[in-house]
């Protein structure tokens, strides 16, 4: 983490995620989105559809990170309680937002805009809308919290409206070295030495293959915000691997 870079946390809300009925892909999408903006994602939590649990998690996260991005619980059904929980966390009212109301009235038309759908027009006091180009029902932004839908396609579309509101930082540079024919144990000492020599670069080791079933090897991933330092670390590690007689190449 770079102390000059903004930090963020993700809060995934929904019993369906905790039960295993729905697989959470939103955290991965948000992680990649934030990385591209130079924002350090430091924490991700999953909580159920319980107001007290959401409030507790949200207050903890928004107090310790620059941004919190939530997904889930802003639909029309009885268990969509995220807006209620956010309003409670901030200690504000939850009135109908006139712009949200207008968007939803246009979306559903006469006879279709029932009381359940009208719940989606409730926005915590002081909040601003996050555009939803997929189904129109908006998310919202209050304080340093960005509240989005849980459906991955909708959440991803909402990020387009979130991006301009975030302070960006230095983007992480990533390089990969593919080491063939040996497992992690054969290169552990070299990798440890490289990591100690270059503290500004992070070194990750990711083995692949299953021995008798195919080629074995390890992908080494070097990451850092100083491109020159990352490149120097790559060259030094390649040289060390070559000196040890280990086949390796950039990928």
C-alpha atoms as a PDB file:
ATOM      1  CA  UNK A   1       0.000   0.000   0.000  1.00  0.00           C
ATOM      2  CA  UNK A   2       1.137   3.506  -0.836  1.00  0.00           C
ATOM      3  CA  UNK A   3       0.156   5.914   1.978  1.00  0.00           C
ATOM      4  CA  UNK A   4      -0.447   8.623  -0.634  1.00  0.00           C
ATOM      5  CA  UNK A   5      -3.056   6.510  -2.409  1.00  0.00           C
ATOM      6  CA  UNK A   6      -6.746   6.471  -1.459  1.00  0.00           C
ATOM      7  CA  UNK A   7      -7.984   3.352   0.303  1.00  0.00           C
ATOM      8  CA  UNK A   8     -11.243   1.487  -0.099  1.00  0.00           C
ATOM      9  CA  UNK A   9     -13.333  -1.347   1.310  1.00  0.00           C
ATOM     10  CA  UNK A  10     -16.111  -3.436  -0.209  1.00  0.00           C
ATOM     11  CA  UNK A  11     -19.242  -4.445   1.689  1.00  0.00           C
ATOM     12  CA  UNK A  12     -21.280  -7.186   0.017  1.00  0.00           C
ATOM     13  CA  UNK A  13     -24.800  -7.420   1.425  1.00  0.00           C
ATOM     14  CA  UNK A  14     -27.134 -10.377   1.076  1.00  0.00           C
ATOM     15  CA  UNK A  15     -28.187 -13.637   2.687  1.00  0.00           C
ATOM     16  CA  UNK A  16     -28.063 -15.257  -0.752  1.00  0.00           C
ATOM     17  CA  UNK A  17     -24.299 -14.781  -0.887  1.00  0.00           C
ATOM     18  CA  UNK A  18     -23.737 -16.201   2.593  1.00  0.00           C
ATOM     19  CA  UNK A  19     -25.936 -19.215   1.856  1.00  0.00           C
ATOM     20  CA  UNK A  20     -24.048 -20.031  -1.334  1.00  0.00           C
ATOM     21  CA  UNK A  21     -27.078 -19.580  -3.588  1.00  0.00           C
ATOM     22  CA  UNK A  22     -25.387 -16.634  -5.277  1.00  0.00           C
ATOM     23  CA  UNK A  23     -21.697 -16.423  -6.080  1.00  0.00           C
ATOM     24  CA  UNK A  24     -20.085 -13.073  -5.343  1.00  0.00           C
ATOM     25  CA  UNK A  25     -18.308 -11.802  -8.454  1.00  0.00           C
ATOM     26  CA  UNK A  26     -18.777  -8.133  -7.588  1.00  0.00           C
ATOM     27  CA  UNK A  27     -15.773  -7.981  -5.265  1.00  0.00           C
ATOM     28  CA  UNK A  28     -13.465  -9.093  -8.063  1.00  0.00           C
ATOM     29  CA  UNK A  29     -14.976  -6.575 -10.478  1.00  0.00           C
ATOM     30  CA  UNK A  30     -14.625  -3.755  -7.951  1.00  0.00           C
ATOM     31  CA  UNK A  31     -11.060  -4.799  -7.099  1.00  0.00           C
ATOM     32  CA  UNK A  32     -10.022  -4.557 -10.745  1.00  0.00           C
ATOM     33  CA  UNK A  33     -11.904  -1.260 -11.123  1.00  0.00           C
ATOM     34  CA  UNK A  34     -10.141   0.287  -8.118  1.00  0.00           C
ATOM     35  CA  UNK A  35      -6.708  -1.051  -9.073  1.00  0.00           C
ATOM     36  CA  UNK A  36      -6.992   0.668 -12.457  1.00  0.00           C
ATOM     37  CA  UNK A  37      -7.663   3.953 -10.616  1.00  0.00           C
ATOM     38  CA  UNK A  38      -4.737   3.582  -8.213  1.00  0.00           C
ATOM     39  CA  UNK A  39      -7.020   3.046  -5.206  1.00  0.00           C
ATOM     40  CA  UNK A  40      -5.910   0.446  -2.652  1.00  0.00           C
ATOM     41  CA  UNK A  41      -8.651  -2.052  -1.820  1.00  0.00           C
ATOM     42  CA  UNK A  42      -7.728  -3.120   1.718  1.00  0.00           C
ATOM     43  CA  UNK A  43     -10.760  -5.025   2.934  1.00  0.00           C
ATOM     44  CA  UNK A  44     -13.878  -6.875   1.791  1.00  0.00           C
ATOM     45  CA  UNK A  45     -16.722  -8.101   3.991  1.00  0.00           C
ATOM     46  CA  UNK A  46     -19.926 -10.036   3.393  1.00  0.00           C
ATOM     47  CA  UNK A  47     -22.909  -9.490   5.687  1.00  0.00           C
ATOM     48  CA  UNK A  48     -26.466 -10.759   5.690  1.00  0.00           C
ATOM     49  CA  UNK A  49     -29.753  -8.930   5.388  1.00  0.00           C
ATOM     50  CA  UNK A  50     -29.726  -7.709   8.974  1.00  0.00           C
ATOM     51  CA  UNK A  51     -29.860  -3.992   9.675  1.00  0.00           C
ATOM     52  CA  UNK A  52     -27.711  -4.015  12.809  1.00  0.00           C
ATOM     53  CA  UNK A  53     -24.997  -6.052  11.087  1.00  0.00           C
ATOM     54  CA  UNK A  54     -24.945  -3.759   8.056  1.00  0.00           C
ATOM     55  CA  UNK A  55     -24.801  -0.640  10.229  1.00  0.00           C
ATOM     56  CA  UNK A  56     -21.977  -2.020  12.345  1.00  0.00           C
ATOM     57  CA  UNK A  57     -19.900  -3.079   9.335  1.00  0.00           C
ATOM     58  CA  UNK A  58     -20.560   0.123   7.423  1.00  0.00           C
ATOM     59  CA  UNK A  59     -19.578   2.393  10.302  1.00  0.00           C
ATOM     60  CA  UNK A  60     -16.382   0.437  10.889  1.00  0.00           C
ATOM     61  CA  UNK A  61     -15.394   0.514   7.221  1.00  0.00           C
ATOM     62  CA  UNK A  62     -16.291   4.124   6.447  1.00  0.00           C
ATOM     63  CA  UNK A  63     -14.319   5.277   9.458  1.00  0.00           C
ATOM     64  CA  UNK A  64     -11.142   3.478   8.422  1.00  0.00           C
ATOM     65  CA  UNK A  65     -11.094   3.839   4.621  1.00  0.00           C
ATOM     66  CA  UNK A  66     -11.417   6.710   2.179  1.00  0.00           C
ATOM     67  CA  UNK A  67     -14.205   4.954   0.299  1.00  0.00           C
ATOM     68  CA  UNK A  68     -16.685   2.148   0.904  1.00  0.00           C
ATOM     69  CA  UNK A  69     -18.467   0.494  -2.019  1.00  0.00           C
ATOM     70  CA  UNK A  70     -21.494  -1.647  -1.173  1.00  0.00           C
ATOM     71  CA  UNK A  71     -23.426  -4.060  -3.357  1.00  0.00           C
ATOM     72  CA  UNK A  72     -26.841  -5.594  -2.820  1.00  0.00           C
ATOM     73  CA  UNK A  73     -30.064  -4.878  -1.008  1.00  0.00           C
ATOM     74  CA  UNK A  74     -31.459  -1.864  -2.882  1.00  0.00           C
ATOM     75  CA  UNK A  75     -34.290  -3.553  -4.771  1.00  0.00           C
ATOM     76  CA  UNK A  76     -38.080  -3.454  -4.174  1.00  0.00           C
ATOM     77  CA  UNK A  77     -38.544  -6.462  -1.874  1.00  0.00           C
ATOM     78  CA  UNK A  78     -38.924  -6.640   1.907  1.00  0.00           C
ATOM     79  CA  UNK A  79     -35.353  -7.876   2.435  1.00  0.00           C
ATOM     80  CA  UNK A  80     -33.830  -4.981   0.488  1.00  0.00           C
ATOM     81  CA  UNK A  81     -32.842  -2.981   3.555  1.00  0.00           C
ATOM     82  CA  UNK A  82     -29.549  -1.398   2.551  1.00  0.00           C
ATOM     83  CA  UNK A  83     -30.972   2.110   2.189  1.00  0.00           C
ATOM     84  CA  UNK A  84     -32.555   1.845   5.647  1.00  0.00           C
ATOM     85  CA  UNK A  85     -29.283   0.626   7.152  1.00  0.00           C
ATOM     86  CA  UNK A  86     -27.194   3.343   5.500  1.00  0.00           C
ATOM     87  CA  UNK A  87     -29.562   6.045   6.716  1.00  0.00           C
ATOM     88  CA  UNK A  88     -29.329   4.605  10.220  1.00  0.00           C
ATOM     89  CA  UNK A  89     -25.524   4.443  10.045  1.00  0.00           C
ATOM     90  CA  UNK A  90     -25.348   8.121   9.092  1.00  0.00           C
ATOM     91  CA  UNK A  91     -28.113   9.132  11.483  1.00  0.00           C
ATOM     92  CA  UNK A  92     -30.239  10.762   8.779  1.00  0.00           C
ATOM     93  CA  UNK A  93     -33.788  10.479   7.457  1.00  0.00           C
ATOM     94  CA  UNK A  94     -34.739   8.338   4.467  1.00  0.00           C
ATOM     95  CA  UNK A  95     -37.094  10.436   2.327  1.00  0.00           C
ATOM     96  CA  UNK A  96     -38.110   9.867  -1.258  1.00  0.00           C
ATOM     97  CA  UNK A  97     -35.658  11.585  -3.568  1.00  0.00           C
ATOM     98  CA  UNK A  98     -37.556  13.654  -6.178  1.00  0.00           C
ATOM     99  CA  UNK A  99     -35.161  12.774  -8.996  1.00  0.00           C
ATOM    100  CA  UNK A 100     -35.234   9.077  -8.135  1.00  0.00           C
ATOM    101  CA  UNK A 101     -39.014   9.215  -7.986  1.00  0.00           C
ATOM    102  CA  UNK A 102     -39.174  10.833 -11.424  1.00  0.00           C
ATOM    103  CA  UNK A 103     -36.797   8.242 -12.909  1.00  0.00           C
ATOM    104  CA  UNK A 104     -38.831   5.344 -11.543  1.00  0.00           C
ATOM    105  CA  UNK A 105     -42.195   6.817 -12.539  1.00  0.00           C
ATOM    106  CA  UNK A 106     -40.910   7.143 -16.099  1.00  0.00           C
ATOM    107  CA  UNK A 107     -39.455   3.644 -16.039  1.00  0.00           C
ATOM    108  CA  UNK A 108     -42.610   1.831 -14.937  1.00  0.00           C
ATOM    109  CA  UNK A 109     -45.419   4.012 -16.201  1.00  0.00           C
ATOM    110  CA  UNK A 110     -49.038   4.187 -15.031  1.00  0.00           C
ATOM    111  CA  UNK A 111     -50.277   1.152 -13.124  1.00  0.00           C
ATOM    112  CA  UNK A 112     -46.847  -0.478 -12.836  1.00  0.00           C
ATOM    113  CA  UNK A 113     -45.234   1.862 -10.318  1.00  0.00           C
ATOM    114  CA  UNK A 114     -46.504   0.130  -7.189  1.00  0.00           C
ATOM    115  CA  UNK A 115     -45.589   0.643  -3.536  1.00  0.00           C
ATOM    116  CA  UNK A 116     -42.813  -1.953  -3.650  1.00  0.00           C
ATOM    117  CA  UNK A 117     -41.068  -0.261  -6.562  1.00  0.00           C
ATOM    118  CA  UNK A 118     -41.588   3.129  -4.951  1.00  0.00           C
ATOM    119  CA  UNK A 119     -39.366   1.972  -2.059  1.00  0.00           C
ATOM    120  CA  UNK A 120     -36.401   2.273  -4.446  1.00  0.00           C
ATOM    121  CA  UNK A 121     -36.899   6.068  -4.555  1.00  0.00           C
ATOM    122  CA  UNK A 122     -35.933   6.361  -0.866  1.00  0.00           C
ATOM    123  CA  UNK A 123     -32.453   7.877  -0.556  1.00  0.00           C
ATOM    124  CA  UNK A 124     -30.702   8.840   2.708  1.00  0.00           C
ATOM    125  CA  UNK A 125     -30.873  12.571   3.311  1.00  0.00           C
ATOM    126  CA  UNK A 126     -27.925  14.342   1.691  1.00  0.00           C
ATOM    127  CA  UNK A 127     -27.332  11.518  -0.767  1.00  0.00           C
ATOM    128  CA  UNK A 128     -26.800  11.921  -4.501  1.00  0.00           C
ATOM    129  CA  UNK A 129     -27.910   9.417  -7.113  1.00  0.00           C
ATOM    130  CA  UNK A 130     -25.713   6.905  -8.931  1.00  0.00           C
ATOM    131  CA  UNK A 131     -26.970   6.348 -12.467  1.00  0.00           C
ATOM    132  CA  UNK A 132     -28.187   2.895 -13.481  1.00  0.00           C
ATOM    133  CA  UNK A 133     -28.187   2.614 -17.280  1.00  0.00           C
ATOM    134  CA  UNK A 134     -29.455  -0.980 -17.187  1.00  0.00           C
ATOM    135  CA  UNK A 135     -32.740  -0.830 -15.247  1.00  0.00           C
ATOM    136  CA  UNK A 136     -32.807   2.885 -14.317  1.00  0.00           C
ATOM    137  CA  UNK A 137     -33.368   2.264 -10.562  1.00  0.00           C
ATOM    138  CA  UNK A 138     -30.557   4.379  -9.089  1.00  0.00           C
ATOM    139  CA  UNK A 139     -27.962   3.681  -6.458  1.00  0.00           C
ATOM    140  CA  UNK A 140     -26.738   6.481  -4.257  1.00  0.00           C
ATOM    141  CA  UNK A 141     -23.666   8.143  -2.779  1.00  0.00           C
ATOM    142  CA  UNK A 142     -23.631   9.574   0.733  1.00  0.00           C
ATOM    143  CA  UNK A 143     -20.492  10.704   2.511  1.00  0.00           C
ATOM    144  CA  UNK A 144     -17.720   8.329   1.465  1.00  0.00           C
ATOM    145  CA  UNK A 145     -20.128   5.452   0.813  1.00  0.00           C
ATOM    146  CA  UNK A 146     -21.273   4.327  -2.640  1.00  0.00           C
ATOM    147  CA  UNK A 147     -24.317   2.051  -2.648  1.00  0.00           C
ATOM    148  CA  UNK A 148     -24.913  -0.101  -5.711  1.00  0.00           C
ATOM    149  CA  UNK A 149     -27.074  -2.982  -6.882  1.00  0.00           C
ATOM    150  CA  UNK A 150     -26.114  -6.586  -6.277  1.00  0.00           C
ATOM    151  CA  UNK A 151     -26.814  -7.858  -9.799  1.00  0.00           C
ATOM    152  CA  UNK A 152     -23.333  -7.947 -11.384  1.00  0.00           C
ATOM    153  CA  UNK A 153     -24.373  -6.474 -14.746  1.00  0.00           C
ATOM    154  CA  UNK A 154     -26.104  -3.546 -13.052  1.00  0.00           C
ATOM    155  CA  UNK A 155     -23.349  -2.993 -10.491  1.00  0.00           C
ATOM    156  CA  UNK A 156     -20.692  -2.914 -13.216  1.00  0.00           C
ATOM    157  CA  UNK A 157     -22.679  -0.338 -15.171  1.00  0.00           C
ATOM    158  CA  UNK A 158     -23.051   1.810 -12.047  1.00  0.00           C
ATOM    159  CA  UNK A 159     -19.278   1.963 -11.625  1.00  0.00           C
ATOM    160  CA  UNK A 160     -19.115   4.216 -14.677  1.00  0.00           C
ATOM    161  CA  UNK A 161     -20.898   6.924 -12.695  1.00  0.00           C
ATOM    162  CA  UNK A 162     -18.858   6.246  -9.555  1.00  0.00           C
ATOM    163  CA  UNK A 163     -15.418   6.584 -11.176  1.00  0.00           C
ATOM    164  CA  UNK A 164     -15.431  10.385 -11.683  1.00  0.00           C
ATOM    165  CA  UNK A 165     -16.273  10.913  -7.991  1.00  0.00           C
ATOM    166  CA  UNK A 166     -13.166   9.124  -6.701  1.00  0.00           C
ATOM    167  CA  UNK A 167      -9.742  10.553  -5.995  1.00  0.00           C
ATOM    168  CA  UNK A 168      -7.240   8.489  -7.927  1.00  0.00           C
ATOM    169  CA  UNK A 169      -3.685   7.456  -7.103  1.00  0.00           C
ATOM    170  CA  UNK A 170      -0.612   5.956  -8.701  1.00  0.00           C
ATOM    171  CA  UNK A 171      -1.537   2.874 -10.713  1.00  0.00           C
ATOM    172  CA  UNK A 172       0.124  -0.434  -9.880  1.00  0.00           C
ATOM    173  CA  UNK A 173       2.431  -1.850 -12.554  1.00  0.00           C
ATOM    174  CA  UNK A 174       2.439  -5.645 -12.891  1.00  0.00           C
ATOM    175  CA  UNK A 175       4.888  -8.001 -14.611  1.00  0.00           C
ATOM    176  CA  UNK A 176       4.866 -11.814 -14.796  1.00  0.00           C
ATOM    177  CA  UNK A 177       7.749 -14.248 -15.094  1.00  0.00           C
ATOM    178  CA  UNK A 178       6.942 -17.848 -16.032  1.00  0.00           C
ATOM    179  CA  UNK A 179       9.286 -20.399 -14.466  1.00  0.00           C
ATOM    180  CA  UNK A 180       9.100 -23.814 -16.135  1.00  0.00           C
ATOM    181  CA  UNK A 181      10.013 -27.267 -14.931  1.00  0.00           C
ATOM    182  CA  UNK A 182      10.358 -26.639 -11.213  1.00  0.00           C
ATOM    183  CA  UNK A 183       8.014 -26.037  -8.297  1.00  0.00           C
ATOM    184  CA  UNK A 184       7.923 -23.231  -5.767  1.00  0.00           C
ATOM    185  CA  UNK A 185      10.378 -24.907  -3.430  1.00  0.00           C
ATOM    186  CA  UNK A 186      13.196 -24.714  -5.980  1.00  0.00           C
ATOM    187  CA  UNK A 187      12.911 -20.941  -6.303  1.00  0.00           C
ATOM    188  CA  UNK A 188      11.845 -19.947  -2.792  1.00  0.00           C
ATOM    189  CA  UNK A 189      15.288 -18.756  -1.696  1.00  0.00           C
ATOM    190  CA  UNK A 190      15.809 -16.708  -4.869  1.00  0.00           C
ATOM    191  CA  UNK A 191      12.392 -15.111  -4.473  1.00  0.00           C
ATOM    192  CA  UNK A 192      12.999 -14.297  -0.813  1.00  0.00           C
ATOM    193  CA  UNK A 193      16.315 -12.651  -1.640  1.00  0.00           C
ATOM    194  CA  UNK A 194      14.726 -10.625  -4.446  1.00  0.00           C
ATOM    195  CA  UNK A 195      11.951  -9.422  -2.151  1.00  0.00           C
ATOM    196  CA  UNK A 196      14.460  -8.334   0.482  1.00  0.00           C
ATOM    197  CA  UNK A 197      16.539  -6.474  -2.104  1.00  0.00           C
ATOM    198  CA  UNK A 198      13.602  -4.493  -3.514  1.00  0.00           C
ATOM    199  CA  UNK A 199      11.185  -3.422  -0.785  1.00  0.00           C
ATOM    200  CA  UNK A 200       9.099  -1.215  -3.078  1.00  0.00           C
ATOM    201  CA  UNK A 201       8.073  -4.196  -5.225  1.00  0.00           C
ATOM    202  CA  UNK A 202       5.783  -7.020  -4.120  1.00  0.00           C
ATOM    203  CA  UNK A 203       6.558 -10.565  -5.235  1.00  0.00           C
ATOM    204  CA  UNK A 204       3.876 -13.230  -5.638  1.00  0.00           C
ATOM    205  CA  UNK A 205       4.335 -16.916  -6.435  1.00  0.00           C
ATOM    206  CA  UNK A 206       1.586 -18.934  -8.149  1.00  0.00           C
ATOM    207  CA  UNK A 207       2.331 -22.589  -9.024  1.00  0.00           C
ATOM    208  CA  UNK A 208       0.685 -24.399 -11.933  1.00  0.00           C
ATOM    209  CA  UNK A 209       0.574 -27.949 -13.296  1.00  0.00           C
ATOM    210  CA  UNK A 210       0.242 -31.330 -11.617  1.00  0.00           C
ATOM    211  CA  UNK A 211       3.496 -33.131 -12.263  1.00  0.00           C
ATOM    212  CA  UNK A 212       2.564 -36.369 -14.030  1.00  0.00           C
ATOM    213  CA  UNK A 213      -0.459 -34.730 -15.652  1.00  0.00           C
ATOM    214  CA  UNK A 214       1.540 -32.027 -17.396  1.00  0.00           C
ATOM    215  CA  UNK A 215       4.180 -29.333 -17.135  1.00  0.00           C
ATOM    216  CA  UNK A 216       4.870 -27.973 -13.694  1.00  0.00           C
ATOM    217  CA  UNK A 217       6.079 -24.495 -12.964  1.00  0.00           C
ATOM    218  CA  UNK A 218       5.420 -21.228 -11.215  1.00  0.00           C
ATOM    219  CA  UNK A 219       4.245 -17.822 -12.316  1.00  0.00           C
ATOM    220  CA  UNK A 220       6.056 -15.052 -10.453  1.00  0.00           C
ATOM    221  CA  UNK A 221       4.140 -11.785 -10.356  1.00  0.00           C
ATOM    222  CA  UNK A 222       5.972  -8.548  -9.509  1.00  0.00           C
ATOM    223  CA  UNK A 223       3.910  -5.485  -8.671  1.00  0.00           C
ATOM    224  CA  UNK A 224       4.714  -1.898  -7.777  1.00  0.00           C
ATOM    225  CA  UNK A 225       3.905   1.710  -8.571  1.00  0.00           C
ATOM    226  CA  UNK A 226       7.419   2.693  -9.688  1.00  0.00           C
ATOM    227  CA  UNK A 227       7.696   1.223 -13.183  1.00  0.00           C
ATOM    228  CA  UNK A 228      11.472   1.565 -13.271  1.00  0.00           C
ATOM    229  CA  UNK A 229      11.797  -0.284  -9.953  1.00  0.00           C
ATOM    230  CA  UNK A 230       9.516  -3.070 -11.165  1.00  0.00           C
ATOM    231  CA  UNK A 231      11.512  -3.452 -14.384  1.00  0.00           C
ATOM    232  CA  UNK A 232      14.801  -3.521 -12.497  1.00  0.00           C
ATOM    233  CA  UNK A 233      13.438  -6.175 -10.139  1.00  0.00           C
ATOM    234  CA  UNK A 234      12.288  -8.297 -13.079  1.00  0.00           C
ATOM    235  CA  UNK A 235      15.700  -8.138 -14.740  1.00  0.00           C
ATOM    236  CA  UNK A 236      17.485  -8.962 -11.493  1.00  0.00           C
ATOM    237  CA  UNK A 237      15.224 -11.933 -10.812  1.00  0.00           C
ATOM    238  CA  UNK A 238      15.595 -13.250 -14.368  1.00  0.00           C
ATOM    239  CA  UNK A 239      19.370 -13.027 -14.014  1.00  0.00           C
ATOM    240  CA  UNK A 240      19.274 -14.869 -10.703  1.00  0.00           C
ATOM    241  CA  UNK A 241      17.107 -17.643 -12.137  1.00  0.00           C
ATOM    242  CA  UNK A 242      19.370 -17.997 -15.179  1.00  0.00           C
ATOM    243  CA  UNK A 243      22.470 -18.224 -12.947  1.00  0.00           C
ATOM    244  CA  UNK A 244      20.778 -21.047 -11.054  1.00  0.00           C
ATOM    245  CA  UNK A 245      20.044 -22.883 -14.272  1.00  0.00           C
ATOM    246  CA  UNK A 246      16.284 -22.401 -14.017  1.00  0.00           C
ATOM    247  CA  UNK A 247      14.321 -21.740 -17.224  1.00  0.00           C
ATOM    248  CA  UNK A 248      12.280 -18.547 -16.983  1.00  0.00           C
ATOM    249  CA  UNK A 249      10.835 -15.919 -19.287  1.00  0.00           C
ATOM    250  CA  UNK A 250       8.545 -12.901 -19.255  1.00  0.00           C
ATOM    251  CA  UNK A 251       4.951 -13.500 -20.225  1.00  0.00           C
END
